[in-house]
């Protein structure tokens, strides 16, 4: 089978294939973003409910006040810092006195 393709035809074919790949990637990206938008709205309510319950339980059980914690990232940072401090001090009790954003 002898196929004669000149440089111009090869260039047009490669551009066409590249355009197909970009179009498919754009469709995948848009579909993922739409799914994320719809799922985020449903998860947002459950996430804030869970973190508010966690804050309430910690305030009741450990006399902690979370006035300085403004978002979920600061809460997670406090938990990670306390776990790290416990591991460094051979599982001794750790109390968080204050949290400041740097």
PDB file of N, CA and C in Angstrom:
ATOM      1  N   UNK A   1       0.844  -1.167   0.000  1.00  0.00           N
ATOM      2  CA  UNK A   1       0.000   0.000   0.000  1.00  0.00           C
ATOM      3  C   UNK A   1       0.897   1.239   0.000  1.00  0.00           C
ATOM      4  N   UNK A   2       0.778   2.006  -1.016  1.00  0.00           N
ATOM      5  CA  UNK A   2       1.615   3.186  -1.166  1.00  0.00           C
ATOM      6  C   UNK A   2       0.735   4.433  -0.991  1.00  0.00           C
ATOM      7  N   UNK A   3       0.993   5.181   0.094  1.00  0.00           N
ATOM      8  CA  UNK A   3       0.224   6.393   0.368  1.00  0.00           C
ATOM      9  C   UNK A   3       1.167   7.577   0.175  1.00  0.00           C
ATOM     10  N   UNK A   4       0.814   8.453  -0.690  1.00  0.00           N
ATOM     11  CA  UNK A   4       1.617   9.649  -0.946  1.00  0.00           C
ATOM     12  C   UNK A   4       0.977  10.837  -0.240  1.00  0.00           C
ATOM     13  N   UNK A   5       1.642  11.314   0.796  1.00  0.00           N
ATOM     14  CA  UNK A   5       1.163  12.489   1.542  1.00  0.00           C
ATOM     15  C   UNK A   5       2.263  13.535   1.468  1.00  0.00           C
ATOM     16  N   UNK A   6       1.906  14.698   0.981  1.00  0.00           N
ATOM     17  CA  UNK A   6       2.907  15.761   0.936  1.00  0.00           C
ATOM     18  C   UNK A   6       2.894  16.536   2.251  1.00  0.00           C
ATOM     19  N   UNK A   7       3.793  17.469   2.373  1.00  0.00           N
ATOM     20  CA  UNK A   7       3.974  18.231   3.610  1.00  0.00           C
ATOM     21  C   UNK A   7       2.741  19.064   3.950  1.00  0.00           C
ATOM     22  N   UNK A   8       2.095  19.629   2.961  1.00  0.00           N
ATOM     23  CA  UNK A   8       0.908  20.458   3.195  1.00  0.00           C
ATOM     24  C   UNK A   8      -0.227  19.614   3.771  1.00  0.00           C
ATOM     25  N   UNK A   9      -0.460  18.430   3.230  1.00  0.00           N
ATOM     26  CA  UNK A   9      -1.514  17.553   3.745  1.00  0.00           C
ATOM     27  C   UNK A   9      -1.207  17.070   5.160  1.00  0.00           C
ATOM     28  N   UNK A  10       0.039  16.778   5.435  1.00  0.00           N
ATOM     29  CA  UNK A  10       0.440  16.338   6.774  1.00  0.00           C
ATOM     30  C   UNK A  10       0.234  17.457   7.788  1.00  0.00           C
ATOM     31  N   UNK A  11       0.558  18.682   7.407  1.00  0.00           N
ATOM     32  CA  UNK A  11       0.362  19.830   8.294  1.00  0.00           C
ATOM     33  C   UNK A  11      -1.116  20.046   8.591  1.00  0.00           C
ATOM     34  N   UNK A  12      -1.962  19.990   7.590  1.00  0.00           N
ATOM     35  CA  UNK A  12      -3.404  20.164   7.764  1.00  0.00           C
ATOM     36  C   UNK A  12      -3.973  19.044   8.638  1.00  0.00           C
ATOM     37  N   UNK A  13      -3.514  17.819   8.417  1.00  0.00           N
ATOM     38  CA  UNK A  13      -3.976  16.691   9.221  1.00  0.00           C
ATOM     39  C   UNK A  13      -3.561  16.837  10.687  1.00  0.00           C
ATOM     40  N   UNK A  14      -2.336  17.272  10.936  1.00  0.00           N
ATOM     41  CA  UNK A  14      -1.883  17.442  12.324  1.00  0.00           C
ATOM     42  C   UNK A  14      -2.642  18.565  13.027  1.00  0.00           C
ATOM     43  N   UNK A  15      -2.886  19.680  12.321  1.00  0.00           N
ATOM     44  CA  UNK A  15      -3.668  20.775  12.914  1.00  0.00           C
ATOM     45  C   UNK A  15      -5.082  20.310  13.227  1.00  0.00           C
ATOM     46  N   UNK A  16      -5.680  19.560  12.337  1.00  0.00           N
ATOM     47  CA  UNK A  16      -7.025  19.035  12.548  1.00  0.00           C
ATOM     48  C   UNK A  16      -7.063  18.108  13.775  1.00  0.00           C
ATOM     49  N   UNK A  17      -6.076  17.240  13.915  1.00  0.00           N
ATOM     50  CA  UNK A  17      -6.024  16.334  15.079  1.00  0.00           C
ATOM     51  C   UNK A  17      -5.819  17.103  16.377  1.00  0.00           C
ATOM     52  N   UNK A  18      -4.981  18.118  16.336  1.00  0.00           N
ATOM     53  CA  UNK A  18      -4.757  18.938  17.533  1.00  0.00           C
ATOM     54  C   UNK A  18      -6.037  19.660  17.928  1.00  0.00           C
ATOM     55  N   UNK A  19      -6.765  20.181  16.969  1.00  0.00           N
ATOM     56  CA  UNK A  19      -8.034  20.853  17.265  1.00  0.00           C
ATOM     57  C   UNK A  19      -9.052  19.891  17.871  1.00  0.00           C
ATOM     58  N   UNK A  20      -9.097  18.675  17.373  1.00  0.00           N
ATOM     59  CA  UNK A  20     -10.012  17.673  17.940  1.00  0.00           C
ATOM     60  C   UNK A  20      -9.656  17.389  19.392  1.00  0.00           C
ATOM     61  N   UNK A  21      -8.370  17.242  19.674  1.00  0.00           N
ATOM     62  CA  UNK A  21      -7.936  16.979  21.050  1.00  0.00           C
ATOM     63  C   UNK A  21      -8.314  18.145  21.961  1.00  0.00           C
ATOM     64  N   UNK A  22      -8.081  19.382  21.531  1.00  0.00           N
ATOM     65  CA  UNK A  22      -8.428  20.536  22.362  1.00  0.00           C
ATOM     66  C   UNK A  22      -9.934  20.641  22.580  1.00  0.00           C
ATOM     67  N   UNK A  23     -10.714  20.345  21.579  1.00  0.00           N
ATOM     68  CA  UNK A  23     -12.171  20.394  21.735  1.00  0.00           C
ATOM     69  C   UNK A  23     -12.635  19.341  22.735  1.00  0.00           C
ATOM     70  N   UNK A  24     -12.080  18.145  22.649  1.00  0.00           N
ATOM     71  CA  UNK A  24     -12.446  17.091  23.600  1.00  0.00           C
ATOM     72  C   UNK A  24     -12.029  17.473  25.011  1.00  0.00           C
ATOM     73  N   UNK A  25     -10.848  18.044  25.160  1.00  0.00           N
ATOM     74  CA  UNK A  25     -10.402  18.480  26.495  1.00  0.00           C
ATOM     75  C   UNK A  25     -11.273  19.605  27.048  1.00  0.00           C
ATOM     76  N   UNK A  26     -11.714  20.512  26.198  1.00  0.00           N
ATOM     77  CA  UNK A  26     -12.604  21.588  26.656  1.00  0.00           C
ATOM     78  C   UNK A  26     -13.945  21.023  27.119  1.00  0.00           C
ATOM     79  N   UNK A  27     -14.472  20.064  26.387  1.00  0.00           N
ATOM     80  CA  UNK A  27     -15.746  19.447  26.782  1.00  0.00           C
ATOM     81  C   UNK A  27     -15.587  18.723  28.115  1.00  0.00           C
ATOM     82  N   UNK A  28     -14.490  18.007  28.300  1.00  0.00           N
ATOM     83  CA  UNK A  28     -14.251  17.320  29.573  1.00  0.00           C
ATOM     84  C   UNK A  28     -14.107  18.333  30.702  1.00  0.00           C
ATOM     85  N   UNK A  29     -13.370  19.404  30.465  1.00  0.00           N
ATOM     86  CA  UNK A  29     -13.178  20.430  31.488  1.00  0.00           C
ATOM     87  C   UNK A  29     -14.502  21.088  31.880  1.00  0.00           C
ATOM     88  N   UNK A  30     -15.318  21.415  30.897  1.00  0.00           N
ATOM     89  CA  UNK A  30     -16.611  22.030  31.201  1.00  0.00           C
ATOM     90  C   UNK A  30     -17.519  21.073  31.975  1.00  0.00           C
ATOM     91  N   UNK A  31     -17.508  19.820  31.598  1.00  0.00           N
ATOM     92  CA  UNK A  31     -18.362  18.863  32.303  1.00  0.00           C
ATOM     93  C   UNK A  31     -17.895  18.661  33.744  1.00  0.00           C
ATOM     94  N   UNK A  32     -16.589  18.612  33.963  1.00  0.00           N
ATOM     95  CA  UNK A  32     -16.078  18.476  35.328  1.00  0.00           C
ATOM     96  C   UNK A  32     -16.426  19.701  36.158  1.00  0.00           C
ATOM     97  N   UNK A  33     -16.306  20.886  35.574  1.00  0.00           N
ATOM     98  CA  UNK A  33     -16.655  22.113  36.297  1.00  0.00           C
ATOM     99  C   UNK A  33     -18.141  22.169  36.632  1.00  0.00           C
ATOM    100  N   UNK A  34     -18.983  21.739  35.718  1.00  0.00           N
ATOM    101  CA  UNK A  34     -20.420  21.728  36.005  1.00  0.00           C
ATOM    102  C   UNK A  34     -20.754  20.734  37.106  1.00  0.00           C
ATOM    103  N   UNK A  35     -20.140  19.585  37.067  1.00  0.00           N
ATOM    104  CA  UNK A  35     -20.368  18.594  38.128  1.00  0.00           C
ATOM    105  C   UNK A  35     -19.892  19.142  39.463  1.00  0.00           C
ATOM    106  N   UNK A  36     -18.730  19.790  39.467  1.00  0.00           N
ATOM    107  CA  UNK A  36     -18.192  20.339  40.712  1.00  0.00           C
ATOM    108  C   UNK A  36     -19.099  21.438  41.267  1.00  0.00           C
ATOM    109  N   UNK A  37     -19.663  22.262  40.385  1.00  0.00           N
ATOM    110  CA  UNK A  37     -20.547  23.341  40.835  1.00  0.00           C
ATOM    111  C   UNK A  37     -21.794  22.765  41.500  1.00  0.00           C
ATOM    112  N   UNK A  38     -22.394  21.761  40.879  1.00  0.00           N
ATOM    113  CA  UNK A  38     -23.612  21.184  41.449  1.00  0.00           C
ATOM    114  C   UNK A  38     -23.316  20.396  42.723  1.00  0.00           C
ATOM    115  N   UNK A  39     -22.211  19.691  42.775  1.00  0.00           N
ATOM    116  CA  UNK A  39     -21.873  18.917  43.970  1.00  0.00           C
ATOM    117  C   UNK A  39     -21.430  19.834  45.111  1.00  0.00           C
ATOM    118  N   UNK A  40     -20.755  20.931  44.787  1.00  0.00           N
ATOM    119  CA  UNK A  40     -20.277  21.841  45.823  1.00  0.00           C
ATOM    120  C   UNK A  40     -21.438  22.483  46.568  1.00  0.00           C
ATOM    121  N   UNK A  41     -22.505  22.795  45.867  1.00  0.00           N
ATOM    122  CA  UNK A  41     -23.665  23.383  46.532  1.00  0.00           C
ATOM    123  C   UNK A  41     -24.260  22.424  47.543  1.00  0.00           C
ATOM    124  N   UNK A  42     -24.286  21.146  47.242  1.00  0.00           N
ATOM    125  CA  UNK A  42     -24.832  20.168  48.166  1.00  0.00           C
ATOM    126  C   UNK A  42     -23.879  19.901  49.322  1.00  0.00           C
ATOM    127  N   UNK A  43     -22.573  19.857  49.057  1.00  0.00           N
ATOM    128  CA  UNK A  43     -21.600  19.586  50.107  1.00  0.00           C
ATOM    129  C   UNK A  43     -21.393  20.780  51.020  1.00  0.00           C
ATOM    130  N   UNK A  44     -21.616  21.986  50.519  1.00  0.00           N
ATOM    131  CA  UNK A  44     -21.356  23.187  51.294  1.00  0.00           C
ATOM    132  C   UNK A  44     -22.175  23.213  52.577  1.00  0.00           C
ATOM    133  N   UNK A  45     -23.440  22.837  52.496  1.00  0.00           N
ATOM    134  CA  UNK A  45     -24.296  22.844  53.672  1.00  0.00           C
ATOM    135  C   UNK A  45     -23.848  21.802  54.683  1.00  0.00           C
ATOM    136  N   UNK A  46     -23.507  20.612  54.236  1.00  0.00           N
ATOM    137  CA  UNK A  46     -23.093  19.565  55.159  1.00  0.00           C
ATOM    138  C   UNK A  46     -21.744  19.872  55.775  1.00  0.00           C
ATOM    139  N   UNK A  47     -20.827  20.510  55.024  1.00  0.00           N
ATOM    140  CA  UNK A  47     -19.506  20.816  55.546  1.00  0.00           C
ATOM    141  C   UNK A  47     -19.591  21.859  56.655  1.00  0.00           C
ATOM    142  N   UNK A  48     -20.368  22.920  56.454  1.00  0.00           N
ATOM    143  CA  UNK A  48     -20.479  23.950  57.480  1.00  0.00           C
ATOM    144  C   UNK A  48     -21.218  23.412  58.698  1.00  0.00           C
ATOM    145  N   UNK A  49     -22.179  22.528  58.483  1.00  0.00           N
ATOM    146  CA  UNK A  49     -22.889  21.927  59.602  1.00  0.00           C
ATOM    147  C   UNK A  49     -21.937  21.063  60.422  1.00  0.00           C
ATOM    148  N   UNK A  50     -21.086  20.283  59.746  1.00  0.00           N
ATOM    149  CA  UNK A  50     -20.140  19.414  60.438  1.00  0.00           C
ATOM    150  C   UNK A  50     -19.120  20.214  61.222  1.00  0.00           C
ATOM    151  N   UNK A  51     -18.543  21.256  60.616  1.00  0.00           N
ATOM    152  CA  UNK A  51     -17.534  22.042  61.324  1.00  0.00           C
ATOM    153  C   UNK A  51     -18.142  22.814  62.481  1.00  0.00           C
ATOM    154  N   UNK A  52     -19.377  23.293  62.344  1.00  0.00           N
ATOM    155  CA  UNK A  52     -19.992  24.004  63.463  1.00  0.00           C
ATOM    156  C   UNK A  52     -20.276  23.049  64.619  1.00  0.00           C
ATOM    157  N   UNK A  53     -20.644  21.809  64.303  1.00  0.00           N
ATOM    158  CA  UNK A  53     -20.834  20.815  65.364  1.00  0.00           C
ATOM    159  C   UNK A  53     -19.518  20.475  66.046  1.00  0.00           C
ATOM    160  N   UNK A  54     -18.449  20.364  65.259  1.00  0.00           N
ATOM    161  CA  UNK A  54     -17.131  20.076  65.839  1.00  0.00           C
ATOM    162  C   UNK A  54     -16.679  21.212  66.756  1.00  0.00           C
ATOM    163  N   UNK A  55     -16.867  22.449  66.305  1.00  0.00           N
ATOM    164  CA  UNK A  55     -16.499  23.596  67.136  1.00  0.00           C
ATOM    165  C   UNK A  55     -17.293  23.591  68.435  1.00  0.00           C
ATOM    166  N   UNK A  56     -18.583  23.312  68.343  1.00  0.00           N
ATOM    167  CA  UNK A  56     -19.435  23.310  69.525  1.00  0.00           C
ATOM    168  C   UNK A  56     -18.983  22.234  70.508  1.00  0.00           C
ATOM    169  N   UNK A  57     -18.704  21.036  70.018  1.00  0.00           N
ATOM    170  CA  UNK A  57     -18.256  19.946  70.899  1.00  0.00           C
ATOM    171  C   UNK A  57     -16.915  20.260  71.552  1.00  0.00           C
ATOM    172  N   UNK A  58     -15.988  20.828  70.785  1.00  0.00           N
ATOM    173  CA  UNK A  58     -14.693  21.157  71.360  1.00  0.00           C
ATOM    174  C   UNK A  58     -14.804  22.274  72.388  1.00  0.00           C
ATOM    175  N   UNK A  59     -15.664  23.253  72.123  1.00  0.00           N
ATOM    176  CA  UNK A  59     -15.848  24.321  73.103  1.00  0.00           C
ATOM    177  C   UNK A  59     -16.461  23.785  74.387  1.00  0.00           C
ATOM    178  N   UNK A  60     -17.407  22.854  74.269  1.00  0.00           N
ATOM    179  CA  UNK A  60     -18.044  22.302  75.458  1.00  0.00           C
ATOM    180  C   UNK A  60     -17.101  21.391  76.245  1.00  0.00           C
ATOM    181  N   UNK A  61     -16.371  20.532  75.544  1.00  0.00           N
ATOM    182  CA  UNK A  61     -15.553  19.523  76.217  1.00  0.00           C
ATOM    183  C   UNK A  61     -14.207  20.040  76.686  1.00  0.00           C
ATOM    184  N   UNK A  62     -13.626  21.002  75.972  1.00  0.00           N
ATOM    185  CA  UNK A  62     -12.259  21.409  76.289  1.00  0.00           C
ATOM    186  C   UNK A  62     -12.127  22.883  76.654  1.00  0.00           C
ATOM    187  N   UNK A  63     -13.206  23.552  76.835  1.00  0.00           N
ATOM    188  CA  UNK A  63     -13.212  24.972  77.190  1.00  0.00           C
ATOM    189  C   UNK A  63     -12.408  25.820  76.208  1.00  0.00           C
ATOM    190  N   UNK A  64     -12.481  25.479  74.941  1.00  0.00           N
ATOM    191  CA  UNK A  64     -11.808  26.257  73.907  1.00  0.00           C
ATOM    192  C   UNK A  64     -12.783  27.267  73.334  1.00  0.00           C
ATOM    193  N   UNK A  65     -12.286  28.430  72.992  1.00  0.00           N
ATOM    194  CA  UNK A  65     -13.087  29.447  72.330  1.00  0.00           C
ATOM    195  C   UNK A  65     -12.541  29.648  70.918  1.00  0.00           C
ATOM    196  N   UNK A  66     -13.414  29.590  69.950  1.00  0.00           N
ATOM    197  CA  UNK A  66     -13.002  29.686  68.559  1.00  0.00           C
ATOM    198  C   UNK A  66     -13.357  31.042  67.969  1.00  0.00           C
ATOM    199  N   UNK A  67     -13.221  32.082  68.734  1.00  0.00           N
ATOM    200  CA  UNK A  67     -13.525  33.420  68.226  1.00  0.00           C
ATOM    201  C   UNK A  67     -12.522  33.860  67.165  1.00  0.00           C
ATOM    202  N   UNK A  68     -11.252  33.432  67.316  1.00  0.00           N
ATOM    203  CA  UNK A  68     -10.215  33.858  66.387  1.00  0.00           C
ATOM    204  C   UNK A  68     -10.215  33.041  65.100  1.00  0.00           C
ATOM    205  N   UNK A  69     -10.868  31.876  65.095  1.00  0.00           N
ATOM    206  CA  UNK A  69     -10.901  31.029  63.913  1.00  0.00           C
ATOM    207  C   UNK A  69     -11.991  31.538  62.979  1.00  0.00           C
ATOM    208  N   UNK A  70     -11.576  31.945  61.779  1.00  0.00           N
ATOM    209  CA  UNK A  70     -12.507  32.574  60.849  1.00  0.00           C
ATOM    210  C   UNK A  70     -12.954  31.650  59.731  1.00  0.00           C
ATOM    211  N   UNK A  71     -12.200  30.585  59.457  1.00  0.00           N
ATOM    212  CA  UNK A  71     -12.598  29.685  58.374  1.00  0.00           C
ATOM    213  C   UNK A  71     -12.140  28.259  58.689  1.00  0.00           C
ATOM    214  N   UNK A  72     -12.510  27.342  57.819  1.00  0.00           N
ATOM    215  CA  UNK A  72     -12.203  25.935  58.040  1.00  0.00           C
ATOM    216  C   UNK A  72     -10.707  25.651  57.967  1.00  0.00           C
ATOM    217  N   UNK A  73      -9.979  26.419  57.167  1.00  0.00           N
ATOM    218  CA  UNK A  73      -8.540  26.196  57.045  1.00  0.00           C
ATOM    219  C   UNK A  73      -7.820  26.476  58.362  1.00  0.00           C
ATOM    220  N   UNK A  74      -8.259  27.498  59.071  1.00  0.00           N
ATOM    221  CA  UNK A  74      -7.645  27.789  60.366  1.00  0.00           C
ATOM    222  C   UNK A  74      -7.966  26.692  61.377  1.00  0.00           C
ATOM    223  N   UNK A  75      -9.161  26.140  61.323  1.00  0.00           N
ATOM    224  CA  UNK A  75      -9.543  25.062  62.223  1.00  0.00           C
ATOM    225  C   UNK A  75      -8.694  23.824  61.953  1.00  0.00           C
ATOM    226  N   UNK A  76      -8.514  23.497  60.698  1.00  0.00           N
ATOM    227  CA  UNK A  76      -7.683  22.347  60.338  1.00  0.00           C
ATOM    228  C   UNK A  76      -6.243  22.581  60.757  1.00  0.00           C
ATOM    229  N   UNK A  77      -5.745  23.796  60.574  1.00  0.00           N
ATOM    230  CA  UNK A  77      -4.379  24.120  60.985  1.00  0.00           C
ATOM    231  C   UNK A  77      -4.209  23.957  62.494  1.00  0.00           C
ATOM    232  N   UNK A  78      -5.223  24.327  63.259  1.00  0.00           N
ATOM    233  CA  UNK A  78      -5.157  24.168  64.711  1.00  0.00           C
ATOM    234  C   UNK A  78      -5.106  22.697  65.096  1.00  0.00           C
ATOM    235  N   UNK A  79      -5.917  21.887  64.432  1.00  0.00           N
ATOM    236  CA  UNK A  79      -5.897  20.447  64.722  1.00  0.00           C
ATOM    237  C   UNK A  79      -4.555  19.822  64.370  1.00  0.00           C
ATOM    238  N   UNK A  80      -4.012  20.180  63.209  1.00  0.00           N
ATOM    239  CA  UNK A  80      -2.728  19.623  62.788  1.00  0.00           C
ATOM    240  C   UNK A  80      -1.615  20.072  63.732  1.00  0.00           C
ATOM    241  N   UNK A  81      -1.642  21.330  64.131  1.00  0.00           N
ATOM    242  CA  UNK A  81      -0.623  21.827  65.056  1.00  0.00           C
ATOM    243  C   UNK A  81      -0.717  21.122  66.399  1.00  0.00           C
ATOM    244  N   UNK A  82      -1.933  20.879  66.888  1.00  0.00           N
ATOM    245  CA  UNK A  82      -2.063  20.195  68.176  1.00  0.00           C
ATOM    246  C   UNK A  82      -1.623  18.737  68.073  1.00  0.00           C
ATOM    247  N   UNK A  83      -1.926  18.076  66.964  1.00  0.00           N
ATOM    248  CA  UNK A  83      -1.480  16.690  66.787  1.00  0.00           C
ATOM    249  C   UNK A  83       0.039  16.630  66.714  1.00  0.00           C
ATOM    250  N   UNK A  84       0.654  17.569  66.009  1.00  0.00           N
ATOM    251  CA  UNK A  84       2.107  17.609  65.904  1.00  0.00           C
ATOM    252  C   UNK A  84       2.744  17.870  67.266  1.00  0.00           C
ATOM    253  N   UNK A  85       2.150  18.771  68.043  1.00  0.00           N
ATOM    254  CA  UNK A  85       2.686  19.067  69.374  1.00  0.00           C
ATOM    255  C   UNK A  85       2.562  17.862  70.296  1.00  0.00           C
ATOM    256  N   UNK A  86       1.477  17.121  70.184  1.00  0.00           N
ATOM    257  CA  UNK A  86       1.301  15.922  71.011  1.00  0.00           C
ATOM    258  C   UNK A  86       2.345  14.873  70.654  1.00  0.00           C
ATOM    259  N   UNK A  87       2.609  14.693  69.359  1.00  0.00           N
ATOM    260  CA  UNK A  87       3.593  13.707  68.936  1.00  0.00           C
ATOM    261  C   UNK A  87       5.000  14.096  69.379  1.00  0.00           C
ATOM    262  N   UNK A  88       5.315  15.384  69.375  1.00  0.00           N
ATOM    263  CA  UNK A  88       6.643  15.835  69.784  1.00  0.00           C
ATOM    264  C   UNK A  88       6.846  15.723  71.291  1.00  0.00           C
ATOM    265  N   UNK A  89       5.782  15.833  72.078  1.00  0.00           N
ATOM    266  CA  UNK A  89       5.892  15.836  73.541  1.00  0.00           C
ATOM    267  C   UNK A  89       5.489  14.503  74.159  1.00  0.00           C
ATOM    268  N   UNK A  90       5.664  13.408  73.436  1.00  0.00           N
ATOM    269  CA  UNK A  90       5.404  12.061  73.947  1.00  0.00           C
ATOM    270  C   UNK A  90       3.993  11.903  74.495  1.00  0.00           C
ATOM    271  N   UNK A  91       3.002  12.321  73.723  1.00  0.00           N
ATOM    272  CA  UNK A  91       1.576  12.156  74.025  1.00  0.00           C
ATOM    273  C   UNK A  91       1.129  12.837  75.310  1.00  0.00           C
ATOM    274  N   UNK A  92       1.751  13.955  75.642  1.00  0.00           N
ATOM    275  CA  UNK A  92       1.292  14.737  76.784  1.00  0.00           C
ATOM    276  C   UNK A  92       0.126  15.613  76.367  1.00  0.00           C
ATOM    277  N   UNK A  93      -0.610  16.130  77.316  1.00  0.00           N
ATOM    278  CA  UNK A  93      -1.771  16.968  77.042  1.00  0.00           C
ATOM    279  C   UNK A  93      -1.332  18.303  76.453  1.00  0.00           C
ATOM    280  N   UNK A  94      -2.052  18.742  75.445  1.00  0.00           N
ATOM    281  CA  UNK A  94      -1.741  19.998  74.770  1.00  0.00           C
ATOM    282  C   UNK A  94      -2.980  20.879  74.807  1.00  0.00           C
ATOM    283  N   UNK A  95      -2.788  22.155  75.096  1.00  0.00           N
ATOM    284  CA  UNK A  95      -3.884  23.110  75.096  1.00  0.00           C
ATOM    285  C   UNK A  95      -3.544  24.249  74.139  1.00  0.00           C
ATOM    286  N   UNK A  96      -4.476  24.544  73.266  1.00  0.00           N
ATOM    287  CA  UNK A  96      -4.303  25.658  72.327  1.00  0.00           C
ATOM    288  C   UNK A  96      -4.782  26.928  73.019  1.00  0.00           C
ATOM    289  N   UNK A  97      -3.875  27.890  73.181  1.00  0.00           N
ATOM    290  CA  UNK A  97      -4.233  29.126  73.858  1.00  0.00           C
ATOM    291  C   UNK A  97      -4.684  30.199  72.893  1.00  0.00           C
ATOM    292  N   UNK A  98      -4.038  30.297  71.740  1.00  0.00           N
ATOM    293  CA  UNK A  98      -4.435  31.306  70.772  1.00  0.00           C
ATOM    294  C   UNK A  98      -4.013  30.871  69.376  1.00  0.00           C
ATOM    295  N   UNK A  99      -4.728  31.427  68.406  1.00  0.00           N
ATOM    296  CA  UNK A  99      -4.441  31.164  67.004  1.00  0.00           C
ATOM    297  C   UNK A  99      -4.406  32.508  66.292  1.00  0.00           C
ATOM    298  N   UNK A 100      -3.345  32.712  65.507  1.00  0.00           N
ATOM    299  CA  UNK A 100      -3.222  33.956  64.734  1.00  0.00           C
ATOM    300  C   UNK A 100      -2.847  33.602  63.303  1.00  0.00           C
ATOM    301  N   UNK A 101      -3.463  34.300  62.368  1.00  0.00           N
ATOM    302  CA  UNK A 101      -3.133  34.112  60.952  1.00  0.00           C
ATOM    303  C   UNK A 101      -1.839  34.854  60.666  1.00  0.00           C
ATOM    304  N   UNK A 102      -0.918  34.151  60.002  1.00  0.00           N
ATOM    305  CA  UNK A 102       0.378  34.762  59.673  1.00  0.00           C
ATOM    306  C   UNK A 102       0.342  35.238  58.235  1.00  0.00           C
TER     307      UNK A 102
END
